[in-house]
Structures are given as structure tokens and as C-alpha cells.
Amino acid sequence: MTTNSQKDTGLLQLRVHPNARRNEIAGFTDAVLQVKIAAPPVKGKANKELVAFLSKVLRVSQGSLTIIKGHTSRNKVIAIDSLSQEDIIKRLTTKPSSSSDATKQSKG
């Protein structure tokens, strides 16, 4: 007997812009997600921060995200376990996301 308790793994194509002022989703360009990351692209720092940031935005654990292409490139493909492609798009387009959103909400 099989159950559908786990969803398929979704793939996300993105382009990372390191050394940004803050972490934020900049939107889609030609079906590629543009992500600004504050960390520099040195010794995997930007990749680690990218995974941490996307896990918050998508509301999944960091272990659910895997960079499958582009470890040393700005163009990446990330696999997200337990989210369908449709769920990924919904979560990314629901509201603008940046690392300072929580700060703005707590001050308001």
C-alpha cells in the first residue's frame, strides 16, 4: 500500500547575486528566480546563506534544500524535498521576502 504523505521533490532554477545589502527575493526573470544574498561568494559562504534564507522563505528545513547544480556558479538549480513545483512558486510569490521583513513587522 502506498501513501501520498510525501510530495515530490521540486526543482528551482535561480541566479544568485552575492554581496548584496541584504538577503531578498528579487523576483523571476525568464523563469529564473533572482536572489540577492548578503554573504560574499567565498568558501561557500554565499551558498550556506542562500540555503538558510530559502529555507526561511519556503518554510522548510535547511536539510530539505540541496544545491544540485552550480556550487561555484551564480546560476544554480536547487532541489526542495517535500514541496511540489506549484507549492514552491506559491510560497515565493505570496509576499516579497527579505531578511529585514521580521524586523519591520516587530517595530510596527
Protein backbone atom coordinates (compact mmCIF):
# COMPACT_ATOMS: atom_id res chain seq x y z
CA MET A 1 0.00 0.00 0.00
CA THR A 2 1.38 3.42 -0.94
CA THR A 3 0.51 6.72 0.63
CA ASN A 4 0.81 10.24 -0.64
CA SER A 5 2.05 11.72 2.62
CA GLN A 6 5.25 12.95 0.96
CA LYS A 7 5.17 15.27 -2.03
CA ASP A 8 7.53 15.18 -4.96
CA THR A 9 10.82 17.00 -4.96
CA GLY A 10 10.56 20.34 -6.71
CA LEU A 11 13.37 21.99 -8.65
CA LEU A 12 14.14 25.69 -8.59
CA GLN A 13 16.40 27.49 -11.05
CA LEU A 14 17.93 30.64 -9.66
CA ARG A 15 20.60 33.23 -10.13
CA VAL A 16 22.40 34.42 -7.02
CA HIS A 17 23.65 37.98 -6.59
CA PRO A 18 26.18 37.84 -3.72
CA ASN A 19 27.48 40.82 -1.71
CA ALA A 20 24.04 42.43 -1.63
CA ARG A 21 22.96 44.82 1.12
CA ARG A 22 20.51 42.25 2.46
CA ASN A 23 19.06 38.87 1.59
CA GLU A 24 15.99 39.19 -0.59
CA ILE A 25 13.99 37.65 -3.39
CA ALA A 26 14.23 39.98 -6.38
CA GLY A 27 11.60 38.17 -8.48
CA PHE A 28 11.57 36.00 -11.56
CA THR A 29 13.30 36.79 -14.85
CA ASP A 30 12.68 34.33 -17.70
CA ALA A 31 11.55 31.63 -15.20
CA VAL A 32 14.75 32.03 -13.16
CA LEU A 33 14.44 33.25 -9.58
CA GLN A 34 16.73 36.19 -8.80
CA VAL A 35 18.03 36.06 -5.22
CA LYS A 36 20.20 38.68 -3.53
CA ILE A 37 22.46 37.31 -0.79
CA ALA A 38 24.49 39.47 1.61
CA ALA A 39 27.34 36.98 2.02
CA PRO A 40 30.39 37.04 -0.25
CA PRO A 41 30.99 34.16 -2.67
CA VAL A 42 33.99 32.90 -0.69
CA LYS A 43 34.47 29.36 0.63
CA GLY A 44 30.78 28.51 0.26
CA LYS A 45 29.55 31.35 2.49
CA ALA A 46 27.01 32.58 -0.07
CA ASN A 47 25.75 29.03 -0.67
CA LYS A 48 25.24 28.45 3.06
CA GLU A 49 23.43 31.75 3.47
CA LEU A 50 21.34 31.06 0.36
CA VAL A 51 20.17 27.71 1.75
CA ALA A 52 19.39 29.26 5.15
CA PHE A 53 17.48 32.16 3.56
CA LEU A 54 15.49 29.98 1.16
CA SER A 55 14.58 27.59 3.97
CA LYS A 56 13.03 30.52 5.89
CA VAL A 57 11.21 31.87 2.84
CA LEU A 58 9.87 28.45 1.80
CA ARG A 59 9.20 27.38 5.41
CA VAL A 60 11.15 24.12 5.10
CA SER A 61 14.18 22.75 6.92
CA GLN A 62 17.63 23.51 5.57
CA GLY A 63 18.10 19.76 5.11
CA SER A 64 15.24 19.78 2.58
CA LEU A 65 17.27 22.01 0.24
CA THR A 66 20.06 20.61 -1.93
CA ILE A 67 22.14 22.50 -4.48
CA ILE A 68 22.32 20.01 -7.32
CA LYS A 69 23.95 22.26 -9.93
CA GLY A 70 26.09 25.37 -9.74
CA HIS A 71 28.03 25.05 -6.50
CA THR A 72 30.64 27.51 -7.83
CA SER A 73 28.38 29.45 -10.20
CA ARG A 74 25.83 32.21 -9.76
CA ASN A 75 23.38 30.10 -11.76
CA LYS A 76 22.07 27.26 -9.60
CA VAL A 77 19.49 24.51 -9.54
CA ILE A 78 18.14 23.63 -6.11
CA ALA A 79 16.07 20.58 -5.20
CA ILE A 80 13.45 21.07 -2.49
CA ASP A 81 12.15 17.92 -0.81
CA SER A 82 8.52 17.71 0.27
CA LEU A 83 7.34 20.62 -1.90
CA SER A 84 5.81 20.37 -5.35
CA GLN A 85 6.79 22.84 -8.06
CA GLU A 86 3.41 24.53 -7.61
CA ASP A 87 3.91 24.91 -3.84
CA ILE A 88 7.37 26.42 -4.36
CA ILE A 89 6.01 29.06 -6.75
CA LYS A 90 3.11 29.87 -4.41
CA ARG A 91 5.39 30.36 -1.42
CA LEU A 92 7.80 32.53 -3.40
CA THR A 93 5.13 34.77 -4.91
CA THR A 94 2.86 35.18 -1.88
CA LYS A 95 4.73 38.19 -0.48
CA PRO A 96 8.04 39.94 -1.03
CA SER A 97 10.71 38.42 1.18
CA SER A 98 13.81 39.92 2.66
CA SER A 99 15.89 39.34 5.75
CA SER A 100 14.61 42.61 7.24
CA ASP A 101 10.87 41.79 6.97
CA ALA A 102 10.70 40.37 10.51
CA THR A 103 12.34 43.50 11.90
CA LYS A 104 9.85 45.75 10.12
CA GLN A 105 6.88 43.74 11.42
CA SER A 106 8.08 43.75 15.04
CA LYS A 107 8.58 47.55 15.02
CA GLY A 108 5.10 48.22 13.55
